[in-house]
């Protein structure tokens, strides 16, 4: 079997409701995985693209979070309505969906407009 052309990782992390940061599972990420699998199949990409559940991707304030490899394109605030567009535009046409793409300045940084200000001790 040939290698997959793309891997999609969908964060399905779940934290306790009292946690200081949100998590993706309560925001519908489990349904996203199913929707991606269906859309991938419908697009004829079943043996080229793999949709995977992921643990925490550490982009909790942007959830549900999805990342597409090998391009390392990070998407945030992904909803069920966005899945078809990501598959059609990014996976079929090779054009990332810019309106959902997380800014590089929000990845792996404490200073992002979506993160609450760090509490100083």
PDB file of N, CA and C in Angstrom:
ATOM      1  N   UNK A   1       0.847  -1.189   0.000  1.00  0.00           N
ATOM      2  CA  UNK A   1       0.000   0.000   0.000  1.00  0.00           C
ATOM      3  C   UNK A   1       0.885   1.242   0.000  1.00  0.00           C
ATOM      4  N   UNK A   2       0.578   2.224  -0.849  1.00  0.00           N
ATOM      5  CA  UNK A   2       1.377   3.454  -0.888  1.00  0.00           C
ATOM      6  C   UNK A   2       1.181   4.284   0.385  1.00  0.00           C
ATOM      7  N   UNK A   3       2.125   5.161   0.613  1.00  0.00           N
ATOM      8  CA  UNK A   3       2.044   6.057   1.765  1.00  0.00           C
ATOM      9  C   UNK A   3       0.884   7.029   1.589  1.00  0.00           C
ATOM     10  N   UNK A   4       0.388   7.527   2.723  1.00  0.00           N
ATOM     11  CA  UNK A   4      -0.655   8.543   2.664  1.00  0.00           C
ATOM     12  C   UNK A   4      -0.047   9.870   2.214  1.00  0.00           C
ATOM     13  N   UNK A   5      -0.808  10.612   1.435  1.00  0.00           N
ATOM     14  CA  UNK A   5      -0.366  11.921   0.974  1.00  0.00           C
ATOM     15  C   UNK A   5      -0.520  12.970   2.072  1.00  0.00           C
ATOM     16  N   UNK A   6      -1.582  12.828   2.872  1.00  0.00           N
ATOM     17  CA  UNK A   6      -1.851  13.754   3.976  1.00  0.00           C
ATOM     18  C   UNK A   6      -2.304  12.982   5.212  1.00  0.00           C
ATOM     19  N   UNK A   7      -1.982  13.541   6.353  1.00  0.00           N
ATOM     20  CA  UNK A   7      -2.530  13.092   7.631  1.00  0.00           C
ATOM     21  C   UNK A   7      -3.218  14.287   8.263  1.00  0.00           C
ATOM     22  N   UNK A   8      -4.428  14.069   8.732  1.00  0.00           N
ATOM     23  CA  UNK A   8      -5.169  15.107   9.443  1.00  0.00           C
ATOM     24  C   UNK A   8      -5.274  14.663  10.886  1.00  0.00           C
ATOM     25  N   UNK A   9      -4.835  15.528  11.787  1.00  0.00           N
ATOM     26  CA  UNK A   9      -4.939  15.246  13.211  1.00  0.00           C
ATOM     27  C   UNK A   9      -5.992  16.166  13.814  1.00  0.00           C
ATOM     28  N   UNK A  10      -6.972  15.571  14.462  1.00  0.00           N
ATOM     29  CA  UNK A  10      -8.082  16.298  15.057  1.00  0.00           C
ATOM     30  C   UNK A  10      -7.981  16.133  16.565  1.00  0.00           C
ATOM     31  N   UNK A  11      -7.801  17.230  17.264  1.00  0.00           N
ATOM     32  CA  UNK A  11      -7.664  17.157  18.719  1.00  0.00           C
ATOM     33  C   UNK A  11      -8.977  16.687  19.338  1.00  0.00           C
ATOM     34  N   UNK A  12      -8.893  15.639  20.149  1.00  0.00           N
ATOM     35  CA  UNK A  12     -10.056  15.148  20.885  1.00  0.00           C
ATOM     36  C   UNK A  12      -9.770  15.125  22.385  1.00  0.00           C
ATOM     37  N   UNK A  13      -8.871  16.002  22.795  1.00  0.00           N
ATOM     38  CA  UNK A  13      -8.533  16.073  24.216  1.00  0.00           C
ATOM     39  C   UNK A  13      -9.731  16.579  25.027  1.00  0.00           C
ATOM     40  N   UNK A  14      -9.861  16.022  26.236  1.00  0.00           N
ATOM     41  CA  UNK A  14     -10.921  16.468  27.134  1.00  0.00           C
ATOM     42  C   UNK A  14     -10.332  16.740  28.507  1.00  0.00           C
ATOM     43  N   UNK A  15     -10.562  17.944  28.987  1.00  0.00           N
ATOM     44  CA  UNK A  15     -10.131  18.335  30.326  1.00  0.00           C
ATOM     45  C   UNK A  15     -11.356  18.433  31.226  1.00  0.00           C
ATOM     46  N   UNK A  16     -11.095  18.421  32.503  1.00  0.00           N
ATOM     47  CA  UNK A  16     -12.149  18.653  33.479  1.00  0.00           C
ATOM     48  C   UNK A  16     -12.705  20.062  33.272  1.00  0.00           C
ATOM     49  N   UNK A  17     -13.977  20.243  33.505  1.00  0.00           N
ATOM     50  CA  UNK A  17     -14.610  21.557  33.303  1.00  0.00           C
ATOM     51  C   UNK A  17     -13.966  22.656  34.146  1.00  0.00           C
ATOM     52  N   UNK A  18     -13.332  22.290  35.259  1.00  0.00           N
ATOM     53  CA  UNK A  18     -12.718  23.284  36.130  1.00  0.00           C
ATOM     54  C   UNK A  18     -11.287  23.648  35.702  1.00  0.00           C
ATOM     55  N   UNK A  19     -10.790  23.044  34.645  1.00  0.00           N
ATOM     56  CA  UNK A  19      -9.420  23.313  34.186  1.00  0.00           C
ATOM     57  C   UNK A  19      -9.282  24.768  33.746  1.00  0.00           C
ATOM     58  N   UNK A  20      -8.065  25.270  33.810  1.00  0.00           N
ATOM     59  CA  UNK A  20      -7.809  26.673  33.454  1.00  0.00           C
ATOM     60  C   UNK A  20      -7.874  26.920  31.943  1.00  0.00           C
ATOM     61  N   UNK A  21      -7.759  25.875  31.154  1.00  0.00           N
ATOM     62  CA  UNK A  21      -7.828  26.009  29.700  1.00  0.00           C
ATOM     63  C   UNK A  21      -8.962  25.134  29.174  1.00  0.00           C
ATOM     64  N   UNK A  22      -9.576  25.532  28.070  1.00  0.00           N
ATOM     65  CA  UNK A  22     -10.645  24.717  27.493  1.00  0.00           C
ATOM     66  C   UNK A  22     -10.074  23.472  26.812  1.00  0.00           C
ATOM     67  N   UNK A  23     -10.942  22.606  26.338  1.00  0.00           N
ATOM     68  CA  UNK A  23     -10.493  21.449  25.571  1.00  0.00           C
ATOM     69  C   UNK A  23     -11.386  21.270  24.354  1.00  0.00           C
ATOM     70  N   UNK A  24     -10.910  20.493  23.404  1.00  0.00           N
ATOM     71  CA  UNK A  24     -11.575  20.391  22.104  1.00  0.00           C
ATOM     72  C   UNK A  24     -12.764  19.428  22.083  1.00  0.00           C
ATOM     73  N   UNK A  25     -12.701  18.349  22.841  1.00  0.00           N
ATOM     74  CA  UNK A  25     -13.769  17.355  22.757  1.00  0.00           C
ATOM     75  C   UNK A  25     -15.152  17.935  23.045  1.00  0.00           C
ATOM     76  N   UNK A  26     -15.326  18.719  24.111  1.00  0.00           N
ATOM     77  CA  UNK A  26     -16.660  19.276  24.358  1.00  0.00           C
ATOM     78  C   UNK A  26     -17.126  20.263  23.281  1.00  0.00           C
ATOM     79  N   UNK A  27     -16.226  20.696  22.432  1.00  0.00           N
ATOM     80  CA  UNK A  27     -16.565  21.626  21.349  1.00  0.00           C
ATOM     81  C   UNK A  27     -16.889  20.896  20.050  1.00  0.00           C
ATOM     82  N   UNK A  28     -17.009  19.577  20.109  1.00  0.00           N
ATOM     83  CA  UNK A  28     -17.468  18.821  18.952  1.00  0.00           C
ATOM     84  C   UNK A  28     -16.417  18.155  18.102  1.00  0.00           C
ATOM     85  N   UNK A  29     -15.212  17.970  18.615  1.00  0.00           N
ATOM     86  CA  UNK A  29     -14.155  17.425  17.763  1.00  0.00           C
ATOM     87  C   UNK A  29     -14.365  15.955  17.392  1.00  0.00           C
ATOM     88  N   UNK A  30     -15.074  15.197  18.203  1.00  0.00           N
ATOM     89  CA  UNK A  30     -15.331  13.794  17.854  1.00  0.00           C
ATOM     90  C   UNK A  30     -16.192  13.724  16.580  1.00  0.00           C
ATOM     91  N   UNK A  31     -17.170  14.606  16.470  1.00  0.00           N
ATOM     92  CA  UNK A  31     -18.009  14.656  15.265  1.00  0.00           C
ATOM     93  C   UNK A  31     -17.195  15.120  14.058  1.00  0.00           C
ATOM     94  N   UNK A  32     -16.194  15.974  14.312  1.00  0.00           N
ATOM     95  CA  UNK A  32     -15.330  16.417  13.210  1.00  0.00           C
ATOM     96  C   UNK A  32     -14.597  15.238  12.593  1.00  0.00           C
ATOM     97  N   UNK A  33     -14.101  14.344  13.421  1.00  0.00           N
ATOM     98  CA  UNK A  33     -13.367  13.194  12.889  1.00  0.00           C
ATOM     99  C   UNK A  33     -14.261  12.391  11.952  1.00  0.00           C
ATOM    100  N   UNK A  34     -15.471  12.108  12.375  1.00  0.00           N
ATOM    101  CA  UNK A  34     -16.401  11.353  11.532  1.00  0.00           C
ATOM    102  C   UNK A  34     -16.693  12.098  10.232  1.00  0.00           C
ATOM    103  N   UNK A  35     -16.891  13.400  10.341  1.00  0.00           N
ATOM    104  CA  UNK A  35     -17.178  14.207   9.155  1.00  0.00           C
ATOM    105  C   UNK A  35     -15.993  14.205   8.191  1.00  0.00           C
ATOM    106  N   UNK A  36     -14.770  14.305   8.718  1.00  0.00           N
ATOM    107  CA  UNK A  36     -13.590  14.258   7.858  1.00  0.00           C
ATOM    108  C   UNK A  36     -13.493  12.906   7.160  1.00  0.00           C
ATOM    109  N   UNK A  37     -13.715  11.833   7.891  1.00  0.00           N
ATOM    110  CA  UNK A  37     -13.639  10.509   7.281  1.00  0.00           C
ATOM    111  C   UNK A  37     -14.651  10.375   6.144  1.00  0.00           C
ATOM    112  N   UNK A  38     -15.869  10.850   6.368  1.00  0.00           N
ATOM    113  CA  UNK A  38     -16.899  10.784   5.325  1.00  0.00           C
ATOM    114  C   UNK A  38     -16.531  11.651   4.119  1.00  0.00           C
ATOM    115  N   UNK A  39     -16.069  12.870   4.379  1.00  0.00           N
ATOM    116  CA  UNK A  39     -15.724  13.790   3.294  1.00  0.00           C
ATOM    117  C   UNK A  39     -14.528  13.278   2.492  1.00  0.00           C
ATOM    118  N   UNK A  40     -13.572  12.683   3.175  1.00  0.00           N
ATOM    119  CA  UNK A  40     -12.408  12.106   2.503  1.00  0.00           C
ATOM    120  C   UNK A  40     -12.847  10.969   1.587  1.00  0.00           C
ATOM    121  N   UNK A  41     -13.709  10.119   2.086  1.00  0.00           N
ATOM    122  CA  UNK A  41     -14.223   9.009   1.277  1.00  0.00           C
ATOM    123  C   UNK A  41     -15.006   9.535   0.075  1.00  0.00           C
ATOM    124  N   UNK A  42     -15.891  10.507   0.316  1.00  0.00           N
ATOM    125  CA  UNK A  42     -16.705  11.076  -0.755  1.00  0.00           C
ATOM    126  C   UNK A  42     -15.856  11.743  -1.840  1.00  0.00           C
ATOM    127  N   UNK A  43     -14.699  12.274  -1.443  1.00  0.00           N
ATOM    128  CA  UNK A  43     -13.806  12.934  -2.407  1.00  0.00           C
ATOM    129  C   UNK A  43     -12.899  11.942  -3.131  1.00  0.00           C
ATOM    130  N   UNK A  44     -13.048  10.661  -2.813  1.00  0.00           N
ATOM    131  CA  UNK A  44     -12.213   9.643  -3.458  1.00  0.00           C
ATOM    132  C   UNK A  44     -10.786   9.620  -2.957  1.00  0.00           C
ATOM    133  N   UNK A  45     -10.583  10.088  -1.728  1.00  0.00           N
ATOM    134  CA  UNK A  45      -9.228  10.192  -1.175  1.00  0.00           C
ATOM    135  C   UNK A  45      -8.944   9.177  -0.067  1.00  0.00           C
ATOM    136  N   UNK A  46      -9.800   8.175   0.063  1.00  0.00           N
ATOM    137  CA  UNK A  46      -9.708   7.252   1.199  1.00  0.00           C
ATOM    138  C   UNK A  46      -8.320   6.645   1.385  1.00  0.00           C
ATOM    139  N   UNK A  47      -7.651   6.306   0.324  1.00  0.00           N
ATOM    140  CA  UNK A  47      -6.336   5.667   0.443  1.00  0.00           C
ATOM    141  C   UNK A  47      -5.181   6.659   0.317  1.00  0.00           C
ATOM    142  N   UNK A  48      -5.525   7.954   0.268  1.00  0.00           N
ATOM    143  CA  UNK A  48      -4.504   8.990   0.162  1.00  0.00           C
ATOM    144  C   UNK A  48      -4.421   9.874   1.394  1.00  0.00           C
ATOM    145  N   UNK A  49      -5.525   9.945   2.146  1.00  0.00           N
ATOM    146  CA  UNK A  49      -5.605  10.846   3.292  1.00  0.00           C
ATOM    147  C   UNK A  49      -6.099  10.058   4.497  1.00  0.00           C
ATOM    148  N   UNK A  50      -5.468  10.274   5.623  1.00  0.00           N
ATOM    149  CA  UNK A  50      -5.854   9.596   6.864  1.00  0.00           C
ATOM    150  C   UNK A  50      -6.264  10.625   7.898  1.00  0.00           C
ATOM    151  N   UNK A  51      -7.471  10.493   8.431  1.00  0.00           N
ATOM    152  CA  UNK A  51      -7.952  11.356   9.517  1.00  0.00           C
ATOM    153  C   UNK A  51      -7.748  10.621  10.826  1.00  0.00           C
ATOM    154  N   UNK A  52      -7.046  11.267  11.753  1.00  0.00           N
ATOM    155  CA  UNK A  52      -6.694  10.648  13.020  1.00  0.00           C
ATOM    156  C   UNK A  52      -7.149  11.493  14.200  1.00  0.00           C
ATOM    157  N   UNK A  53      -7.600  10.830  15.257  1.00  0.00           N
ATOM    158  CA  UNK A  53      -7.816  11.528  16.520  1.00  0.00           C
ATOM    159  C   UNK A  53      -6.453  11.815  17.115  1.00  0.00           C
ATOM    160  N   UNK A  54      -6.372  12.919  17.819  1.00  0.00           N
ATOM    161  CA  UNK A  54      -5.126  13.291  18.462  1.00  0.00           C
ATOM    162  C   UNK A  54      -5.407  13.646  19.908  1.00  0.00           C
ATOM    163  N   UNK A  55      -4.404  13.466  20.724  1.00  0.00           N
ATOM    164  CA  UNK A  55      -4.465  14.024  22.066  1.00  0.00           C
ATOM    165  C   UNK A  55      -4.267  15.528  21.953  1.00  0.00           C
ATOM    166  N   UNK A  56      -3.982  16.157  23.043  1.00  0.00           N
ATOM    167  CA  UNK A  56      -3.854  17.611  23.080  1.00  0.00           C
ATOM    168  C   UNK A  56      -2.784  18.095  22.102  1.00  0.00           C
ATOM    169  N   UNK A  57      -3.172  19.067  21.288  1.00  0.00           N
ATOM    170  CA  UNK A  57      -2.242  19.709  20.360  1.00  0.00           C
ATOM    171  C   UNK A  57      -1.731  21.031  20.925  1.00  0.00           C
ATOM    172  N   UNK A  58      -2.112  21.344  22.155  1.00  0.00           N
ATOM    173  CA  UNK A  58      -1.688  22.535  22.892  1.00  0.00           C
ATOM    174  C   UNK A  58      -2.087  23.843  22.202  1.00  0.00           C
ATOM    175  N   UNK A  59      -3.215  23.801  21.557  1.00  0.00           N
ATOM    176  CA  UNK A  59      -3.785  25.009  20.953  1.00  0.00           C
ATOM    177  C   UNK A  59      -5.216  25.155  21.473  1.00  0.00           C
ATOM    178  N   UNK A  60      -5.381  24.926  22.749  1.00  0.00           N
ATOM    179  CA  UNK A  60      -6.683  24.762  23.398  1.00  0.00           C
ATOM    180  C   UNK A  60      -7.636  25.933  23.184  1.00  0.00           C
ATOM    181  N   UNK A  61      -7.130  27.132  23.198  1.00  0.00           N
ATOM    182  CA  UNK A  61      -7.986  28.307  23.023  1.00  0.00           C
ATOM    183  C   UNK A  61      -8.492  28.453  21.593  1.00  0.00           C
ATOM    184  N   UNK A  62      -7.941  27.668  20.694  1.00  0.00           N
ATOM    185  CA  UNK A  62      -8.309  27.733  19.283  1.00  0.00           C
ATOM    186  C   UNK A  62      -9.201  26.567  18.865  1.00  0.00           C
ATOM    187  N   UNK A  63      -9.659  25.802  19.815  1.00  0.00           N
ATOM    188  CA  UNK A  63     -10.344  24.554  19.506  1.00  0.00           C
ATOM    189  C   UNK A  63     -11.750  24.700  18.995  1.00  0.00           C
ATOM    190  N   UNK A  64     -12.189  23.681  18.317  1.00  0.00           N
ATOM    191  CA  UNK A  64     -11.445  22.493  17.943  1.00  0.00           C
ATOM    192  C   UNK A  64     -10.315  22.814  16.960  1.00  0.00           C
ATOM    193  N   UNK A  65      -9.201  22.148  17.206  1.00  0.00           N
ATOM    194  CA  UNK A  65      -7.998  22.369  16.413  1.00  0.00           C
ATOM    195  C   UNK A  65      -7.741  21.166  15.515  1.00  0.00           C
ATOM    196  N   UNK A  66      -7.331  21.448  14.288  1.00  0.00           N
ATOM    197  CA  UNK A  66      -7.018  20.425  13.293  1.00  0.00           C
ATOM    198  C   UNK A  66      -5.697  20.827  12.649  1.00  0.00           C
ATOM    199  N   UNK A  67      -4.816  19.850  12.432  1.00  0.00           N
ATOM    200  CA  UNK A  67      -3.562  20.136  11.729  1.00  0.00           C
ATOM    201  C   UNK A  67      -3.412  19.137  10.590  1.00  0.00           C
ATOM    202  N   UNK A  68      -2.967  19.642   9.440  1.00  0.00           N
ATOM    203  CA  UNK A  68      -2.788  18.815   8.249  1.00  0.00           C
ATOM    204  C   UNK A  68      -1.293  18.719   7.950  1.00  0.00           C
ATOM    205  N   UNK A  69      -0.817  17.486   7.872  1.00  0.00           N
ATOM    206  CA  UNK A  69       0.574  17.219   7.515  1.00  0.00           C
ATOM    207  C   UNK A  69       0.609  16.504   6.177  1.00  0.00           C
ATOM    208  N   UNK A  70       1.661  16.696   5.390  1.00  0.00           N
ATOM    209  CA  UNK A  70       2.975  17.149   5.793  1.00  0.00           C
ATOM    210  C   UNK A  70       3.181  18.665   5.770  1.00  0.00           C
ATOM    211  N   UNK A  71       2.180  19.437   5.350  1.00  0.00           N
ATOM    212  CA  UNK A  71       2.366  20.886   5.239  1.00  0.00           C
ATOM    213  C   UNK A  71       2.395  21.605   6.573  1.00  0.00           C
ATOM    214  N   UNK A  72       1.946  20.949   7.637  1.00  0.00           N
ATOM    215  CA  UNK A  72       1.854  21.564   8.965  1.00  0.00           C
ATOM    216  C   UNK A  72       0.969  22.814   8.937  1.00  0.00           C
ATOM    217  N   UNK A  73      -0.187  22.672   8.327  1.00  0.00           N
ATOM    218  CA  UNK A  73      -1.171  23.749   8.305  1.00  0.00           C
ATOM    219  C   UNK A  73      -2.107  23.537   9.483  1.00  0.00           C
ATOM    220  N   UNK A  74      -2.163  24.532  10.358  1.00  0.00           N
ATOM    221  CA  UNK A  74      -2.981  24.475  11.563  1.00  0.00           C
ATOM    222  C   UNK A  74      -4.268  25.253  11.349  1.00  0.00           C
ATOM    223  N   UNK A  75      -5.373  24.601  11.665  1.00  0.00           N
ATOM    224  CA  UNK A  75      -6.689  25.228  11.585  1.00  0.00           C
ATOM    225  C   UNK A  75      -7.282  25.326  12.985  1.00  0.00           C
ATOM    226  N   UNK A  76      -7.963  26.437  13.234  1.00  0.00           N
ATOM    227  CA  UNK A  76      -8.596  26.633  14.528  1.00  0.00           C
ATOM    228  C   UNK A  76     -10.060  26.957  14.399  1.00  0.00           C
ATOM    229  N   UNK A  77     -10.770  26.719  15.491  1.00  0.00           N
ATOM    230  CA  UNK A  77     -12.206  27.006  15.566  1.00  0.00           C
ATOM    231  C   UNK A  77     -12.975  26.277  14.462  1.00  0.00           C
ATOM    232  N   UNK A  78     -12.552  25.050  14.153  1.00  0.00           N
ATOM    233  CA  UNK A  78     -13.134  24.284  13.059  1.00  0.00           C
ATOM    234  C   UNK A  78     -14.516  23.761  13.464  1.00  0.00           C
ATOM    235  N   UNK A  79     -15.470  23.957  12.560  1.00  0.00           N
ATOM    236  CA  UNK A  79     -16.845  23.486  12.778  1.00  0.00           C
ATOM    237  C   UNK A  79     -17.186  22.447  11.717  1.00  0.00           C
ATOM    238  N   UNK A  80     -18.250  21.721  11.959  1.00  0.00           N
ATOM    239  CA  UNK A  80     -18.678  20.705  10.993  1.00  0.00           C
ATOM    240  C   UNK A  80     -18.853  21.296   9.599  1.00  0.00           C
ATOM    241  N   UNK A  81     -19.366  22.512   9.536  1.00  0.00           N
ATOM    242  CA  UNK A  81     -19.601  23.165   8.237  1.00  0.00           C
ATOM    243  C   UNK A  81     -18.312  23.436   7.475  1.00  0.00           C
ATOM    244  N   UNK A  82     -17.173  23.401   8.152  1.00  0.00           N
ATOM    245  CA  UNK A  82     -15.887  23.710   7.525  1.00  0.00           C
ATOM    246  C   UNK A  82     -15.208  22.493   6.896  1.00  0.00           C
ATOM    247  N   UNK A  83     -15.636  21.311   7.269  1.00  0.00           N
ATOM    248  CA  UNK A  83     -14.950  20.092   6.852  1.00  0.00           C
ATOM    249  C   UNK A  83     -14.920  19.936   5.329  1.00  0.00           C
ATOM    250  N   UNK A  84     -16.058  20.080   4.685  1.00  0.00           N
ATOM    251  CA  UNK A  84     -16.121  19.929   3.227  1.00  0.00           C
ATOM    252  C   UNK A  84     -15.173  20.902   2.529  1.00  0.00           C
ATOM    253  N   UNK A  85     -15.111  22.138   3.036  1.00  0.00           N
ATOM    254  CA  UNK A  85     -14.240  23.140   2.430  1.00  0.00           C
ATOM    255  C   UNK A  85     -12.767  22.771   2.601  1.00  0.00           C
ATOM    256  N   UNK A  86     -12.399  22.296   3.777  1.00  0.00           N
ATOM    257  CA  UNK A  86     -11.004  21.894   4.006  1.00  0.00           C
ATOM    258  C   UNK A  86     -10.630  20.744   3.072  1.00  0.00           C
ATOM    259  N   UNK A  87     -11.509  19.774   2.945  1.00  0.00           N
ATOM    260  CA  UNK A  87     -11.224  18.638   2.065  1.00  0.00           C
ATOM    261  C   UNK A  87     -11.145  19.097   0.608  1.00  0.00           C
ATOM    262  N   UNK A  88     -12.149  19.851   0.151  1.00  0.00           N
ATOM    263  CA  UNK A  88     -12.177  20.275  -1.252  1.00  0.00           C
ATOM    264  C   UNK A  88     -11.038  21.223  -1.608  1.00  0.00           C
ATOM    265  N   UNK A  89     -10.802  22.192  -0.767  1.00  0.00           N
ATOM    266  CA  UNK A  89      -9.788  23.213  -1.077  1.00  0.00           C
ATOM    267  C   UNK A  89      -8.369  22.742  -0.763  1.00  0.00           C
ATOM    268  N   UNK A  90      -8.163  22.272   0.453  1.00  0.00           N
ATOM    269  CA  UNK A  90      -6.800  21.930   0.873  1.00  0.00           C
ATOM    270  C   UNK A  90      -6.366  20.576   0.329  1.00  0.00           C
ATOM    271  N   UNK A  91      -7.176  19.548   0.570  1.00  0.00           N
ATOM    272  CA  UNK A  91      -6.732  18.200   0.219  1.00  0.00           C
ATOM    273  C   UNK A  91      -6.859  17.894  -1.267  1.00  0.00           C
ATOM    274  N   UNK A  92      -7.873  18.430  -1.925  1.00  0.00           N
ATOM    275  CA  UNK A  92      -8.052  18.177  -3.356  1.00  0.00           C
ATOM    276  C   UNK A  92      -7.299  19.209  -4.191  1.00  0.00           C
ATOM    277  N   UNK A  93      -7.491  20.494  -3.892  1.00  0.00           N
ATOM    278  CA  UNK A  93      -6.906  21.567  -4.709  1.00  0.00           C
ATOM    279  C   UNK A  93      -5.522  22.029  -4.252  1.00  0.00           C
ATOM    280  N   UNK A  94      -5.133  21.649  -3.034  1.00  0.00           N
ATOM    281  CA  UNK A  94      -3.814  22.046  -2.535  1.00  0.00           C
ATOM    282  C   UNK A  94      -3.733  23.472  -2.040  1.00  0.00           C
ATOM    283  N   UNK A  95      -4.889  24.073  -1.729  1.00  0.00           N
ATOM    284  CA  UNK A  95      -4.931  25.457  -1.241  1.00  0.00           C
ATOM    285  C   UNK A  95      -5.475  25.484   0.174  1.00  0.00           C
ATOM    286  N   UNK A  96      -4.643  25.773   1.158  1.00  0.00           N
ATOM    287  CA  UNK A  96      -5.142  25.858   2.528  1.00  0.00           C
ATOM    288  C   UNK A  96      -6.287  26.872   2.647  1.00  0.00           C
ATOM    289  N   UNK A  97      -7.185  26.618   3.560  1.00  0.00           N
ATOM    290  CA  UNK A  97      -8.332  27.494   3.793  1.00  0.00           C
ATOM    291  C   UNK A  97      -7.876  28.597   4.746  1.00  0.00           C
ATOM    292  N   UNK A  98      -7.530  29.727   4.181  1.00  0.00           N
ATOM    293  CA  UNK A  98      -6.911  30.811   4.957  1.00  0.00           C
ATOM    294  C   UNK A  98      -7.807  31.350   6.077  1.00  0.00           C
ATOM    295  N   UNK A  99      -9.106  31.381   5.876  1.00  0.00           N
ATOM    296  CA  UNK A  99      -9.989  31.948   6.902  1.00  0.00           C
ATOM    297  C   UNK A  99     -10.000  31.108   8.188  1.00  0.00           C
ATOM    298  N   UNK A 100      -9.576  29.854   8.114  1.00  0.00           N
ATOM    299  CA  UNK A 100      -9.535  28.976   9.283  1.00  0.00           C
ATOM    300  C   UNK A 100      -8.117  28.757   9.807  1.00  0.00           C
ATOM    301  N   UNK A 101      -7.158  29.190   9.031  1.00  0.00           N
ATOM    302  CA  UNK A 101      -5.753  28.940   9.367  1.00  0.00           C
ATOM    303  C   UNK A 101      -5.337  29.766  10.577  1.00  0.00           C
ATOM    304  N   UNK A 102      -4.666  29.108  11.512  1.00  0.00           N
ATOM    305  CA  UNK A 102      -4.154  29.821  12.677  1.00  0.00           C
ATOM    306  C   UNK A 102      -2.896  30.580  12.286  1.00  0.00           C
ATOM    307  N   UNK A 103      -2.809  31.795  12.748  1.00  0.00           N
ATOM    308  CA  UNK A 103      -1.626  32.615  12.476  1.00  0.00           C
ATOM    309  C   UNK A 103      -0.405  31.998  13.149  1.00  0.00           C
ATOM    310  N   UNK A 104       0.723  32.073  12.491  1.00  0.00           N
ATOM    311  CA  UNK A 104       1.958  31.560  13.084  1.00  0.00           C
ATOM    312  C   UNK A 104       2.227  32.204  14.438  1.00  0.00           C
ATOM    313  N   UNK A 105       1.796  33.441  14.605  1.00  0.00           N
ATOM    314  CA  UNK A 105       2.019  34.141  15.868  1.00  0.00           C
ATOM    315  C   UNK A 105       1.171  33.581  17.009  1.00  0.00           C
ATOM    316  N   UNK A 106       0.209  32.727  16.698  1.00  0.00           N
ATOM    317  CA  UNK A 106      -0.620  32.095  17.735  1.00  0.00           C
ATOM    318  C   UNK A 106      -0.150  30.689  18.084  1.00  0.00           C
ATOM    319  N   UNK A 107       0.761  30.138  17.317  1.00  0.00           N
ATOM    320  CA  UNK A 107       1.220  28.771  17.555  1.00  0.00           C
ATOM    321  C   UNK A 107       2.390  28.738  18.526  1.00  0.00           C
ATOM    322  N   UNK A 108       2.237  27.936  19.557  1.00  0.00           N
ATOM    323  CA  UNK A 108       3.303  27.714  20.539  1.00  0.00           C
ATOM    324  C   UNK A 108       3.827  29.009  21.152  1.00  0.00           C
ATOM    325  N   UNK A 109       2.919  29.876  21.492  1.00  0.00           N
ATOM    326  CA  UNK A 109       3.298  31.130  22.123  1.00  0.00           C
ATOM    327  C   UNK A 109       2.317  31.463  23.228  1.00  0.00           C
ATOM    328  N   UNK A 110       2.779  32.187  24.208  1.00  0.00           N
ATOM    329  CA  UNK A 110       1.893  32.626  25.292  1.00  0.00           C
ATOM    330  C   UNK A 110       1.172  33.904  24.925  1.00  0.00           C
ATOM    331  N   UNK A 111       1.632  34.588  23.891  1.00  0.00           N
ATOM    332  CA  UNK A 111       1.075  35.889  23.525  1.00  0.00           C
ATOM    333  C   UNK A 111       0.240  35.774  22.256  1.00  0.00           C
ATOM    334  N   UNK A 112      -0.991  35.407  22.453  1.00  0.00           N
ATOM    335  CA  UNK A 112      -1.940  35.251  21.363  1.00  0.00           C
ATOM    336  C   UNK A 112      -3.236  35.905  21.810  1.00  0.00           C
ATOM    337  N   UNK A 113      -3.940  36.579  20.940  1.00  0.00           N
ATOM    338  CA  UNK A 113      -5.175  37.249  21.352  1.00  0.00           C
ATOM    339  C   UNK A 113      -6.253  36.291  21.857  1.00  0.00           C
ATOM    340  N   UNK A 114      -6.103  34.988  21.580  1.00  0.00           N
ATOM    341  CA  UNK A 114      -7.097  34.018  22.021  1.00  0.00           C
ATOM    342  C   UNK A 114      -6.803  33.452  23.401  1.00  0.00           C
ATOM    343  N   UNK A 115      -5.616  33.671  23.895  1.00  0.00           N
ATOM    344  CA  UNK A 115      -5.232  33.143  25.213  1.00  0.00           C
ATOM    345  C   UNK A 115      -5.455  34.214  26.283  1.00  0.00           C
ATOM    346  N   UNK A 116      -5.967  33.795  27.409  1.00  0.00           N
ATOM    347  CA  UNK A 116      -6.105  34.766  28.498  1.00  0.00           C
ATOM    348  C   UNK A 116      -4.713  35.257  28.924  1.00  0.00           C
ATOM    349  N   UNK A 117      -4.652  36.471  29.378  1.00  0.00           N
ATOM    350  CA  UNK A 117      -3.364  37.022  29.825  1.00  0.00           C
ATOM    351  C   UNK A 117      -2.794  36.158  30.942  1.00  0.00           C
ATOM    352  N   UNK A 118      -1.502  35.938  30.874  1.00  0.00           N
ATOM    353  CA  UNK A 118      -0.846  35.128  31.909  1.00  0.00           C
ATOM    354  C   UNK A 118      -0.952  35.850  33.246  1.00  0.00           C
ATOM    355  N   UNK A 119      -1.215  35.067  34.268  1.00  0.00           N
ATOM    356  CA  UNK A 119      -1.311  35.653  35.604  1.00  0.00           C
ATOM    357  C   UNK A 119       0.080  35.774  36.200  1.00  0.00           C
ATOM    358  N   UNK A 120       0.381  36.932  36.685  1.00  0.00           N
ATOM    359  CA  UNK A 120       1.700  37.171  37.271  1.00  0.00           C
ATOM    360  C   UNK A 120       1.649  36.916  38.754  1.00  0.00           C
ATOM    361  N   UNK A 121       2.673  36.274  39.249  1.00  0.00           N
ATOM    362  CA  UNK A 121       2.738  35.965  40.693  1.00  0.00           C
ATOM    363  C   UNK A 121       3.457  37.044  41.445  1.00  0.00           C
TER     364      UNK A 121
END
